[in-house]
Amino acid sequence: MSIEYTADAAVDIETAVDELVDRYGPSPAVAFQTRLDSTLTRLEAMPLAYSLVDPPLVNHPGLRVMPVAKFESRLIFYTPTPTGILVVRVLPAASDWQAALGD
């Protein structure tokens, strides 16, 4: 199994970590990265267990969403792949994520 990231997802994660460091210091940023990694490992093992985005997005068929454990204000948008998952974006729950995803 594998976890792959789009370039946008990598930037989203870096941005989230930087924001946490700026606002709260390094400890919450490390906790976020740890929780993100554990959440992605669960998704990799059970990629179909979480909700499809509703309404479906034309540009991202089969897109699913799950909050980061203990950091529910960040949502992981991903698609299952034959070998694991592709992380499309990691966005703030309060954002206009439909616009960010291009729909």
Foldseek 3Di string as FASTA:
>chain_A
DDEAEDPQAVVQLVVVLVVCCVPPRNPVSVVQVVLQVVVQVVCQVPVPPFAADPPHDPVDPQWGWDARVVRNQWIFIWHADPRGIYTYHIGGPPDPVNVVSPD
